[in-house]
Amino acid sequence: GANIGNTLGSFDVTGGGVYGGSILLLPDNRISLGADLLVNTNTTNVSYSGPGTSMKQFNMKYTSLMARMDFHYINFHHFKLYGSTAVGKSWESASNGGTEAKKSGFAYQITPIGVAFGGMIVGWAELGFGYRGILSTGFAVRL
C-alpha cells in the first residue's frame, strides 16, 4: 500500500493487484487475437485532521473485458517477442459503508514489448500502460 499525507490529512491505499485471464487464438505466425478479463480490488483509508477529525474507508472494484491483438516481432516455438493492444469496457464500483456508486467506461492496454519463454507451460512478462498494468507477469498453458 501507499501512505501519503499532508497538513490536511492522509490516505492509505491497499490492494491485491490486477488478476486476469486471457484466451488467445493464433490464426497465423505473426498475429494472435483474443480477449482479456481483468479484476482489480483495492481499499482506500482517508483520514482528515482538524475539527471533526474523521476516517473514511472506500472499497473499489474494477472488472474489465477487452478484445486483444498481439503482433509477434519474433515467434519461435520456445521464445516469443511481441507487442499487444487491447480495448474494451470497464465496470467500476465504489462503496464507503452504506453508499455505493457504479459506472462503466473505456478500458485499454498498450504493450509495446512482451516476452514469452517455454513449451507447453509458458512464462511471460509485459511492459506497457493501461488496465493490465505497467509490468505484468504470469504463466500460460498452450493447448
Protein backbone atom coordinates (compact mmCIF):
# COMPACT_ATOMS: atom_id res chain seq x y z
CA GLY A 1 0.00 0.00 0.00
CA ALA A 2 0.94 3.64 -0.26
CA ASN A 3 0.59 6.20 2.52
CA ILE A 4 0.61 9.86 1.54
CA GLY A 5 -0.01 12.68 3.98
CA ASN A 6 -0.13 16.46 4.15
CA THR A 7 -1.31 19.10 6.63
CA LEU A 8 -4.98 18.41 5.89
CA GLY A 9 -4.94 14.64 6.23
CA SER A 10 -3.65 11.40 4.82
CA PHE A 11 -4.73 8.41 2.85
CA ASP A 12 -3.56 4.82 2.65
CA VAL A 13 -4.24 2.60 -0.39
CA THR A 14 -4.02 -1.18 -0.21
CA GLY A 15 -4.90 -3.59 -2.95
CA GLY A 16 -4.31 -7.03 -4.26
CA GLY A 17 -3.19 -6.01 -7.74
CA VAL A 18 -4.80 -6.89 -11.03
CA TYR A 19 -5.79 -10.51 -11.61
CA GLY A 20 -6.79 -11.68 -15.02
CA GLY A 21 -7.08 -14.30 -17.64
CA SER A 22 -6.72 -14.28 -21.40
CA ILE A 23 -7.62 -16.52 -24.27
CA LEU A 24 -5.60 -16.17 -27.47
CA LEU A 25 -6.00 -17.76 -30.88
CA LEU A 26 -3.14 -17.77 -33.38
CA PRO A 27 -4.57 -17.51 -36.93
CA ASP A 28 -1.03 -17.14 -38.34
CA ASN A 29 2.60 -16.86 -37.23
CA ARG A 30 2.57 -13.03 -36.80
CA ILE A 31 -0.75 -12.22 -35.10
CA SER A 32 -2.81 -13.59 -32.23
CA LEU A 33 -6.37 -12.49 -31.41
CA GLY A 34 -8.26 -12.93 -28.18
CA ALA A 35 -9.81 -11.42 -25.07
CA ASP A 36 -8.71 -10.35 -21.56
CA LEU A 37 -10.84 -10.49 -18.41
CA LEU A 38 -9.37 -8.46 -15.51
CA VAL A 39 -10.39 -7.86 -11.88
CA ASN A 40 -8.79 -5.28 -9.55
CA THR A 41 -9.92 -4.53 -5.99
CA ASN A 42 -8.47 -2.05 -3.51
CA THR A 43 -9.29 -0.30 -0.24
CA THR A 44 -8.50 3.35 0.47
CA ASN A 45 -8.49 4.72 4.02
CA VAL A 46 -8.79 8.52 4.19
CA SER A 47 -8.34 10.49 7.42
CA TYR A 48 -8.82 14.22 7.85
CA SER A 49 -7.17 16.20 10.65
CA GLY A 50 -8.65 19.25 12.32
CA PRO A 51 -12.14 19.94 13.65
CA GLY A 52 -14.39 16.92 13.25
CA THR A 53 -11.48 14.57 12.54
CA SER A 54 -12.79 11.53 10.74
CA MET A 55 -11.73 8.39 8.93
CA LYS A 56 -13.47 7.05 5.83
CA GLN A 57 -12.90 3.78 4.03
CA PHE A 58 -13.61 3.34 0.32
CA ASN A 59 -13.71 -0.07 -1.33
CA MET A 60 -13.26 -0.08 -5.10
CA LYS A 61 -13.55 -2.84 -7.69
CA TYR A 62 -12.81 -2.75 -11.41
CA THR A 63 -13.83 -5.52 -13.81
CA SER A 64 -12.71 -5.15 -17.41
CA LEU A 65 -13.34 -7.13 -20.58
CA MET A 66 -11.17 -6.26 -23.59
CA ALA A 67 -10.61 -7.53 -27.12
CA ARG A 68 -6.90 -8.09 -27.68
CA MET A 69 -4.48 -8.32 -30.61
CA ASP A 70 -0.81 -9.28 -30.32
CA PHE A 71 1.77 -8.73 -33.06
CA HIS A 72 4.72 -11.15 -32.88
CA TYR A 73 8.04 -9.47 -33.70
CA ILE A 74 9.86 -12.79 -33.21
CA ASN A 75 7.95 -16.06 -32.96
CA PHE A 76 9.96 -19.22 -32.35
CA HIS A 77 8.47 -22.30 -30.71
CA HIS A 78 10.05 -21.66 -27.26
CA PHE A 79 10.57 -17.87 -27.45
CA LYS A 80 8.29 -15.04 -28.50
CA LEU A 81 8.88 -11.26 -28.57
CA TYR A 82 5.65 -9.35 -29.17
CA GLY A 83 3.61 -6.19 -28.75
CA SER A 84 -0.05 -6.04 -27.76
CA THR A 85 -3.02 -3.71 -27.81
CA ALA A 86 -6.42 -4.20 -26.19
CA VAL A 87 -9.63 -2.16 -25.98
CA GLY A 88 -12.93 -2.81 -24.26
CA LYS A 89 -15.13 -1.86 -21.36
CA SER A 90 -14.56 -1.50 -17.61
CA TRP A 91 -17.22 -1.72 -14.91
CA GLU A 92 -16.30 0.13 -11.73
CA SER A 93 -17.93 0.21 -8.31
CA ALA A 94 -17.01 2.15 -5.16
CA SER A 95 -18.56 1.94 -1.72
CA ASN A 96 -17.98 3.59 1.65
CA GLY A 97 -20.24 1.82 4.08
CA GLY A 98 -23.86 2.46 3.14
CA THR A 99 -23.26 4.34 -0.13
CA GLU A 100 -22.34 2.66 -3.41
CA ALA A 101 -21.63 4.19 -6.81
CA LYS A 102 -21.27 2.34 -10.11
CA LYS A 103 -20.15 3.40 -13.56
CA SER A 104 -18.67 1.94 -16.71
CA GLY A 105 -16.08 3.29 -19.08
CA PHE A 106 -13.45 2.67 -21.71
CA ALA A 107 -10.69 0.14 -20.91
CA TYR A 108 -7.42 -0.12 -22.81
CA GLN A 109 -3.91 -1.55 -22.76
CA ILE A 110 -0.90 -0.65 -24.90
CA THR A 111 2.03 -3.03 -24.53
CA PRO A 112 4.94 -2.31 -26.87
CA ILE A 113 7.09 -5.14 -25.52
CA GLY A 114 6.29 -8.59 -24.22
CA VAL A 115 8.38 -11.75 -23.96
CA ALA A 116 7.31 -15.37 -23.54
CA PHE A 117 9.51 -18.42 -22.88
CA GLY A 118 8.59 -22.08 -22.74
CA GLY A 119 6.98 -25.05 -24.42
CA MET A 120 3.62 -26.28 -23.15
CA ILE A 121 3.96 -24.19 -19.95
CA VAL A 122 4.95 -20.60 -20.82
CA GLY A 123 6.23 -17.82 -18.57
CA TRP A 124 5.69 -14.28 -19.83
CA ALA A 125 6.39 -10.65 -18.93
CA GLU A 126 4.96 -7.48 -20.49
CA LEU A 127 5.85 -3.81 -20.19
CA GLY A 128 3.02 -1.44 -21.10
CA PHE A 129 0.38 1.00 -19.92
CA GLY A 130 -3.31 0.56 -19.17
CA TYR A 131 -5.72 -1.67 -17.30
CA ARG A 132 -3.37 -4.71 -17.22
CA GLY A 133 -0.75 -2.52 -15.52
CA ILE A 134 2.74 -1.24 -16.27
CA LEU A 135 4.58 -4.52 -15.60
CA SER A 136 2.62 -7.75 -15.91
CA THR A 137 3.93 -11.28 -15.45
CA GLY A 138 2.34 -14.69 -15.45
CA PHE A 139 2.10 -18.20 -16.76
CA ALA A 140 0.17 -19.69 -19.66
CA VAL A 141 -0.65 -23.15 -20.95
CA ARG A 142 -0.52 -23.87 -24.68
CA LEU A 143 -3.22 -26.21 -25.89
